[in-house]
């Protein structure tokens, strides 16, 4: 991926916040589809995985069925 857009980690955070990915595997697949380099290496850290899981859980809670009422 060119340097014009967000870095791999920044894009992973965007995807986690967007609600379009439900798992780390989904984020990896999306980044690979978007032609980001070194996806597995960038997303191997335990702290980053924990942050991404928390962001996805937060998004899910905010958009859950109880929020529509």
PDB file of N, CA and C in Angstrom:
ATOM      1  N   UNK A   1       0.850  -1.183   0.000  1.00  0.00           N
ATOM      2  CA  UNK A   1       0.000   0.000   0.000  1.00  0.00           C
ATOM      3  C   UNK A   1       0.885   1.233   0.000  1.00  0.00           C
ATOM      4  N   UNK A   2       0.494   2.224  -0.714  1.00  0.00           N
ATOM      5  CA  UNK A   2       1.281   3.448  -0.775  1.00  0.00           C
ATOM      6  C   UNK A   2       1.173   4.214   0.535  1.00  0.00           C
ATOM      7  N   UNK A   3       2.073   5.126   0.746  1.00  0.00           N
ATOM      8  CA  UNK A   3       2.115   5.912   1.974  1.00  0.00           C
ATOM      9  C   UNK A   3       1.051   7.002   2.014  1.00  0.00           C
ATOM     10  N   UNK A   4       0.237   7.106   0.983  1.00  0.00           N
ATOM     11  CA  UNK A   4      -0.774   8.164   0.923  1.00  0.00           C
ATOM     12  C   UNK A   4      -1.884   7.964   1.948  1.00  0.00           C
ATOM     13  N   UNK A   5      -2.276   6.727   2.174  1.00  0.00           N
ATOM     14  CA  UNK A   5      -3.371   6.424   3.084  1.00  0.00           C
ATOM     15  C   UNK A   5      -2.873   6.102   4.483  1.00  0.00           C
ATOM     16  N   UNK A   6      -3.778   5.630   5.326  1.00  0.00           N
ATOM     17  CA  UNK A   6      -3.400   5.278   6.691  1.00  0.00           C
ATOM     18  C   UNK A   6      -2.456   4.075   6.710  1.00  0.00           C
ATOM     19  N   UNK A   7      -1.688   3.961   7.782  1.00  0.00           N
ATOM     20  CA  UNK A   7      -0.809   2.808   7.950  1.00  0.00           C
ATOM     21  C   UNK A   7      -1.666   1.564   8.181  1.00  0.00           C
ATOM     22  N   UNK A   8      -1.036   0.411   8.169  1.00  0.00           N
ATOM     23  CA  UNK A   8      -1.749  -0.847   8.385  1.00  0.00           C
ATOM     24  C   UNK A   8      -2.458  -0.848   9.742  1.00  0.00           C
ATOM     25  N   UNK A   9      -1.768  -0.417  10.772  1.00  0.00           N
ATOM     26  CA  UNK A   9      -2.356  -0.398  12.115  1.00  0.00           C
ATOM     27  C   UNK A   9      -3.480   0.633  12.200  1.00  0.00           C
ATOM     28  N   UNK A  10      -3.265   1.804  11.616  1.00  0.00           N
ATOM     29  CA  UNK A  10      -4.321   2.828  11.625  1.00  0.00           C
ATOM     30  C   UNK A  10      -5.566   2.324  10.910  1.00  0.00           C
ATOM     31  N   UNK A  11      -5.386   1.654   9.788  1.00  0.00           N
ATOM     32  CA  UNK A  11      -6.528   1.129   9.044  1.00  0.00           C
ATOM     33  C   UNK A  11      -7.214   0.021   9.830  1.00  0.00           C
ATOM     34  N   UNK A  12      -6.446  -0.806  10.534  1.00  0.00           N
ATOM     35  CA  UNK A  12      -7.026  -1.861  11.367  1.00  0.00           C
ATOM     36  C   UNK A  12      -7.929  -1.253  12.441  1.00  0.00           C
ATOM     37  N   UNK A  13      -7.476  -0.176  13.043  1.00  0.00           N
ATOM     38  CA  UNK A  13      -8.280   0.514  14.058  1.00  0.00           C
ATOM     39  C   UNK A  13      -9.552   1.086  13.423  1.00  0.00           C
ATOM     40  N   UNK A  14      -9.424   1.685  12.255  1.00  0.00           N
ATOM     41  CA  UNK A  14     -10.609   2.207  11.549  1.00  0.00           C
ATOM     42  C   UNK A  14     -11.616   1.095  11.283  1.00  0.00           C
ATOM     43  N   UNK A  15     -11.135  -0.060  10.828  1.00  0.00           N
ATOM     44  CA  UNK A  15     -12.026  -1.178  10.535  1.00  0.00           C
ATOM     45  C   UNK A  15     -12.701  -1.686  11.805  1.00  0.00           C
ATOM     46  N   UNK A  16     -11.950  -1.765  12.897  1.00  0.00           N
ATOM     47  CA  UNK A  16     -12.522  -2.223  14.166  1.00  0.00           C
ATOM     48  C   UNK A  16     -13.619  -1.269  14.646  1.00  0.00           C
ATOM     49  N   UNK A  17     -13.401   0.014  14.485  1.00  0.00           N
ATOM     50  CA  UNK A  17     -14.385   1.016  14.906  1.00  0.00           C
ATOM     51  C   UNK A  17     -15.595   1.074  13.985  1.00  0.00           C
ATOM     52  N   UNK A  18     -15.416   0.685  12.737  1.00  0.00           N
ATOM     53  CA  UNK A  18     -16.485   0.838  11.741  1.00  0.00           C
ATOM     54  C   UNK A  18     -17.636  -0.130  11.912  1.00  0.00           C
ATOM     55  N   UNK A  19     -17.374  -1.266  12.534  1.00  0.00           N
ATOM     56  CA  UNK A  19     -18.416  -2.282  12.658  1.00  0.00           C
ATOM     57  C   UNK A  19     -18.461  -3.224  11.474  1.00  0.00           C
ATOM     58  N   UNK A  20     -17.596  -3.029  10.503  1.00  0.00           N
ATOM     59  CA  UNK A  20     -17.591  -3.889   9.317  1.00  0.00           C
ATOM     60  C   UNK A  20     -16.837  -5.190   9.544  1.00  0.00           C
ATOM     61  N   UNK A  21     -16.102  -5.280  10.640  1.00  0.00           N
ATOM     62  CA  UNK A  21     -15.348  -6.487  10.972  1.00  0.00           C
ATOM     63  C   UNK A  21     -15.727  -6.935  12.382  1.00  0.00           C
ATOM     64  N   UNK A  22     -15.980  -8.237  12.529  1.00  0.00           N
ATOM     65  CA  UNK A  22     -16.391  -8.773  13.825  1.00  0.00           C
ATOM     66  C   UNK A  22     -15.260  -9.489  14.550  1.00  0.00           C
ATOM     67  N   UNK A  23     -14.188  -9.805  13.832  1.00  0.00           N
ATOM     68  CA  UNK A  23     -13.067 -10.544  14.423  1.00  0.00           C
ATOM     69  C   UNK A  23     -11.745 -10.005  13.892  1.00  0.00           C
ATOM     70  N   UNK A  24     -10.671 -10.403  14.557  1.00  0.00           N
ATOM     71  CA  UNK A  24      -9.333 -10.050  14.075  1.00  0.00           C
ATOM     72  C   UNK A  24      -9.123 -10.662  12.690  1.00  0.00           C
ATOM     73  N   UNK A  25      -9.615 -11.875  12.495  1.00  0.00           N
ATOM     74  CA  UNK A  25      -9.488 -12.529  11.182  1.00  0.00           C
ATOM     75  C   UNK A  25     -10.181 -11.703  10.103  1.00  0.00           C
ATOM     76  N   UNK A  26     -11.334 -11.123  10.426  1.00  0.00           N
ATOM     77  CA  UNK A  26     -12.038 -10.264   9.465  1.00  0.00           C
ATOM     78  C   UNK A  26     -11.193  -9.036   9.109  1.00  0.00           C
ATOM     79  N   UNK A  27     -10.540  -8.472  10.114  1.00  0.00           N
ATOM     80  CA  UNK A  27      -9.689  -7.305   9.881  1.00  0.00           C
ATOM     81  C   UNK A  27      -8.519  -7.697   8.987  1.00  0.00           C
ATOM     82  N   UNK A  28      -7.896  -8.838   9.275  1.00  0.00           N
ATOM     83  CA  UNK A  28      -6.778  -9.314   8.447  1.00  0.00           C
ATOM     84  C   UNK A  28      -7.219  -9.490   6.996  1.00  0.00           C
ATOM     85  N   UNK A  29      -8.382 -10.109   6.793  1.00  0.00           N
ATOM     86  CA  UNK A  29      -8.899 -10.330   5.439  1.00  0.00           C
ATOM     87  C   UNK A  29      -9.157  -9.006   4.725  1.00  0.00           C
ATOM     88  N   UNK A  30      -9.750  -8.061   5.433  1.00  0.00           N
ATOM     89  CA  UNK A  30     -10.052  -6.760   4.832  1.00  0.00           C
ATOM     90  C   UNK A  30      -8.766  -6.036   4.429  1.00  0.00           C
ATOM     91  N   UNK A  31      -7.778  -6.052   5.308  1.00  0.00           N
ATOM     92  CA  UNK A  31      -6.512  -5.389   5.012  1.00  0.00           C
ATOM     93  C   UNK A  31      -5.809  -6.051   3.827  1.00  0.00           C
ATOM     94  N   UNK A  32      -5.882  -7.366   3.764  1.00  0.00           N
ATOM     95  CA  UNK A  32      -5.281  -8.089   2.644  1.00  0.00           C
ATOM     96  C   UNK A  32      -5.989  -7.735   1.343  1.00  0.00           C
ATOM     97  N   UNK A  33      -7.324  -7.682   1.378  1.00  0.00           N
ATOM     98  CA  UNK A  33      -8.100  -7.275   0.193  1.00  0.00           C
ATOM     99  C   UNK A  33      -7.728  -5.872  -0.258  1.00  0.00           C
ATOM    100  N   UNK A  34      -7.459  -5.002   0.716  1.00  0.00           N
ATOM    101  CA  UNK A  34      -7.102  -3.617   0.417  1.00  0.00           C
ATOM    102  C   UNK A  34      -5.622  -3.467   0.061  1.00  0.00           C
ATOM    103  N   UNK A  35      -4.923  -4.584  -0.035  1.00  0.00           N
ATOM    104  CA  UNK A  35      -3.522  -4.623  -0.482  1.00  0.00           C
ATOM    105  C   UNK A  35      -2.524  -3.991   0.493  1.00  0.00           C
ATOM    106  N   UNK A  36      -2.826  -4.069   1.790  1.00  0.00           N
ATOM    107  CA  UNK A  36      -1.852  -3.613   2.783  1.00  0.00           C
ATOM    108  C   UNK A  36      -0.760  -4.658   2.912  1.00  0.00           C
ATOM    109  N   UNK A  37       0.466  -4.216   3.123  1.00  0.00           N
ATOM    110  CA  UNK A  37       1.618  -5.101   3.256  1.00  0.00           C
ATOM    111  C   UNK A  37       1.833  -5.517   4.707  1.00  0.00           C
ATOM    112  N   UNK A  38       2.359  -6.711   4.901  1.00  0.00           N
ATOM    113  CA  UNK A  38       2.765  -7.167   6.224  1.00  0.00           C
ATOM    114  C   UNK A  38       1.640  -7.230   7.235  1.00  0.00           C
ATOM    115  N   UNK A  39       0.456  -7.593   6.801  1.00  0.00           N
ATOM    116  CA  UNK A  39      -0.709  -7.597   7.684  1.00  0.00           C
ATOM    117  C   UNK A  39      -0.470  -8.470   8.908  1.00  0.00           C
ATOM    118  N   UNK A  40      -0.026  -9.694   8.704  1.00  0.00           N
ATOM    119  CA  UNK A  40       0.168 -10.605   9.838  1.00  0.00           C
ATOM    120  C   UNK A  40       1.206 -10.079  10.818  1.00  0.00           C
ATOM    121  N   UNK A  41       2.282  -9.524  10.319  1.00  0.00           N
ATOM    122  CA  UNK A  41       3.318  -8.988  11.192  1.00  0.00           C
ATOM    123  C   UNK A  41       2.808  -7.787  11.996  1.00  0.00           C
ATOM    124  N   UNK A  42       2.047  -6.938  11.360  1.00  0.00           N
ATOM    125  CA  UNK A  42       1.536  -5.745  12.045  1.00  0.00           C
ATOM    126  C   UNK A  42       0.494  -6.082  13.111  1.00  0.00           C
ATOM    127  N   UNK A  43      -0.259  -7.135  12.896  1.00  0.00           N
ATOM    128  CA  UNK A  43      -1.353  -7.454  13.829  1.00  0.00           C
ATOM    129  C   UNK A  43      -1.023  -8.595  14.778  1.00  0.00           C
ATOM    130  N   UNK A  44       0.250  -8.897  14.982  1.00  0.00           N
ATOM    131  CA  UNK A  44       0.644  -9.991  15.866  1.00  0.00           C
ATOM    132  C   UNK A  44       0.725  -9.597  17.329  1.00  0.00           C
ATOM    133  N   UNK A  45       0.858  -8.344  17.627  1.00  0.00           N
ATOM    134  CA  UNK A  45       1.047  -7.916  19.015  1.00  0.00           C
ATOM    135  C   UNK A  45      -0.186  -8.123  19.877  1.00  0.00           C
ATOM    136  N   UNK A  46       0.028  -8.637  21.070  1.00  0.00           N
ATOM    137  CA  UNK A  46      -1.076  -8.907  21.997  1.00  0.00           C
ATOM    138  C   UNK A  46      -1.813  -7.626  22.396  1.00  0.00           C
ATOM    139  N   UNK A  47      -1.062  -6.560  22.611  1.00  0.00           N
ATOM    140  CA  UNK A  47      -1.695  -5.298  23.026  1.00  0.00           C
ATOM    141  C   UNK A  47      -2.590  -4.750  21.924  1.00  0.00           C
ATOM    142  N   UNK A  48      -2.129  -4.810  20.680  1.00  0.00           N
ATOM    143  CA  UNK A  48      -2.937  -4.320  19.566  1.00  0.00           C
ATOM    144  C   UNK A  48      -4.181  -5.183  19.386  1.00  0.00           C
ATOM    145  N   UNK A  49      -4.020  -6.491  19.463  1.00  0.00           N
ATOM    146  CA  UNK A  49      -5.178  -7.386  19.333  1.00  0.00           C
ATOM    147  C   UNK A  49      -6.212  -7.078  20.414  1.00  0.00           C
ATOM    148  N   UNK A  50      -5.747  -6.864  21.640  1.00  0.00           N
ATOM    149  CA  UNK A  50      -6.652  -6.542  22.750  1.00  0.00           C
ATOM    150  C   UNK A  50      -7.400  -5.238  22.472  1.00  0.00           C
ATOM    151  N   UNK A  51      -6.679  -4.243  21.949  1.00  0.00           N
ATOM    152  CA  UNK A  51      -7.298  -2.954  21.627  1.00  0.00           C
ATOM    153  C   UNK A  51      -8.345  -3.123  20.525  1.00  0.00           C
ATOM    154  N   UNK A  52      -8.011  -3.883  19.490  1.00  0.00           N
ATOM    155  CA  UNK A  52      -8.943  -4.081  18.377  1.00  0.00           C
ATOM    156  C   UNK A  52     -10.195  -4.825  18.832  1.00  0.00           C
ATOM    157  N   UNK A  53     -10.008  -5.858  19.656  1.00  0.00           N
ATOM    158  CA  UNK A  53     -11.160  -6.607  20.179  1.00  0.00           C
ATOM    159  C   UNK A  53     -12.051  -5.686  21.017  1.00  0.00           C
ATOM    160  N   UNK A  54     -11.435  -4.844  21.833  1.00  0.00           N
ATOM    161  CA  UNK A  54     -12.216  -3.903  22.654  1.00  0.00           C
ATOM    162  C   UNK A  54     -12.988  -2.920  21.781  1.00  0.00           C
ATOM    163  N   UNK A  55     -12.359  -2.417  20.730  1.00  0.00           N
ATOM    164  CA  UNK A  55     -13.036  -1.482  19.820  1.00  0.00           C
ATOM    165  C   UNK A  55     -14.208  -2.153  19.110  1.00  0.00           C
ATOM    166  N   UNK A  56     -14.016  -3.396  18.682  1.00  0.00           N
ATOM    167  CA  UNK A  56     -15.109  -4.114  18.013  1.00  0.00           C
ATOM    168  C   UNK A  56     -16.256  -4.383  18.984  1.00  0.00           C
ATOM    169  N   UNK A  57     -15.928  -4.729  20.227  1.00  0.00           N
ATOM    170  CA  UNK A  57     -16.961  -4.982  21.233  1.00  0.00           C
ATOM    171  C   UNK A  57     -17.727  -3.704  21.562  1.00  0.00           C
ATOM    172  N   UNK A  58     -17.007  -2.598  21.652  1.00  0.00           N
ATOM    173  CA  UNK A  58     -17.644  -1.298  21.921  1.00  0.00           C
ATOM    174  C   UNK A  58     -18.606  -0.931  20.797  1.00  0.00           C
ATOM    175  N   UNK A  59     -18.158  -1.107  19.577  1.00  0.00           N
ATOM    176  CA  UNK A  59     -19.007  -0.802  18.418  1.00  0.00           C
ATOM    177  C   UNK A  59     -20.246  -1.684  18.411  1.00  0.00           C
ATOM    178  N   UNK A  60     -20.048  -2.972  18.707  1.00  0.00           N
ATOM    179  CA  UNK A  60     -21.170  -3.912  18.727  1.00  0.00           C
ATOM    180  C   UNK A  60     -22.174  -3.514  19.810  1.00  0.00           C
ATOM    181  N   UNK A  61     -21.678  -3.112  20.960  1.00  0.00           N
ATOM    182  CA  UNK A  61     -22.567  -2.700  22.051  1.00  0.00           C
ATOM    183  C   UNK A  61     -23.357  -1.448  21.675  1.00  0.00           C
ATOM    184  N   UNK A  62     -22.705  -0.520  20.989  1.00  0.00           N
ATOM    185  CA  UNK A  62     -23.367   0.716  20.602  1.00  0.00           C
ATOM    186  C   UNK A  62     -24.424   0.505  19.518  1.00  0.00           C
ATOM    187  N   UNK A  63     -24.220  -0.510  18.689  1.00  0.00           N
ATOM    188  CA  UNK A  63     -25.162  -0.753  17.598  1.00  0.00           C
ATOM    189  C   UNK A  63     -26.045  -1.964  17.845  1.00  0.00           C
ATOM    190  N   UNK A  64     -26.035  -2.463  19.078  1.00  0.00           N
ATOM    191  CA  UNK A  64     -26.826  -3.647  19.415  1.00  0.00           C
ATOM    192  C   UNK A  64     -28.310  -3.419  19.327  1.00  0.00           C
ATOM    193  N   UNK A  65     -29.100  -4.474  19.461  1.00  0.00           N
ATOM    194  CA  UNK A  65     -30.561  -4.392  19.306  1.00  0.00           C
ATOM    195  C   UNK A  65     -31.236  -3.488  20.329  1.00  0.00           C
ATOM    196  N   UNK A  66     -30.671  -3.360  21.528  1.00  0.00           N
ATOM    197  CA  UNK A  66     -31.281  -2.518  22.559  1.00  0.00           C
ATOM    198  C   UNK A  66     -31.148  -1.027  22.242  1.00  0.00           C
ATOM    199  N   UNK A  67     -30.180  -0.674  21.385  1.00  0.00           N
ATOM    200  CA  UNK A  67     -29.970   0.736  21.037  1.00  0.00           C
ATOM    201  C   UNK A  67     -31.026   1.263  20.075  1.00  0.00           C
ATOM    202  N   UNK A  68     -31.725   0.376  19.369  1.00  0.00           N
ATOM    203  CA  UNK A  68     -32.713   0.799  18.374  1.00  0.00           C
ATOM    204  C   UNK A  68     -34.024   1.234  18.996  1.00  0.00           C
ATOM    205  N   UNK A  69     -34.221   0.936  20.236  1.00  0.00           N
ATOM    206  CA  UNK A  69     -35.501   1.242  20.893  1.00  0.00           C
ATOM    207  C   UNK A  69     -35.622   2.648  21.343  1.00  0.00           C
TER     208      UNK A  69
END
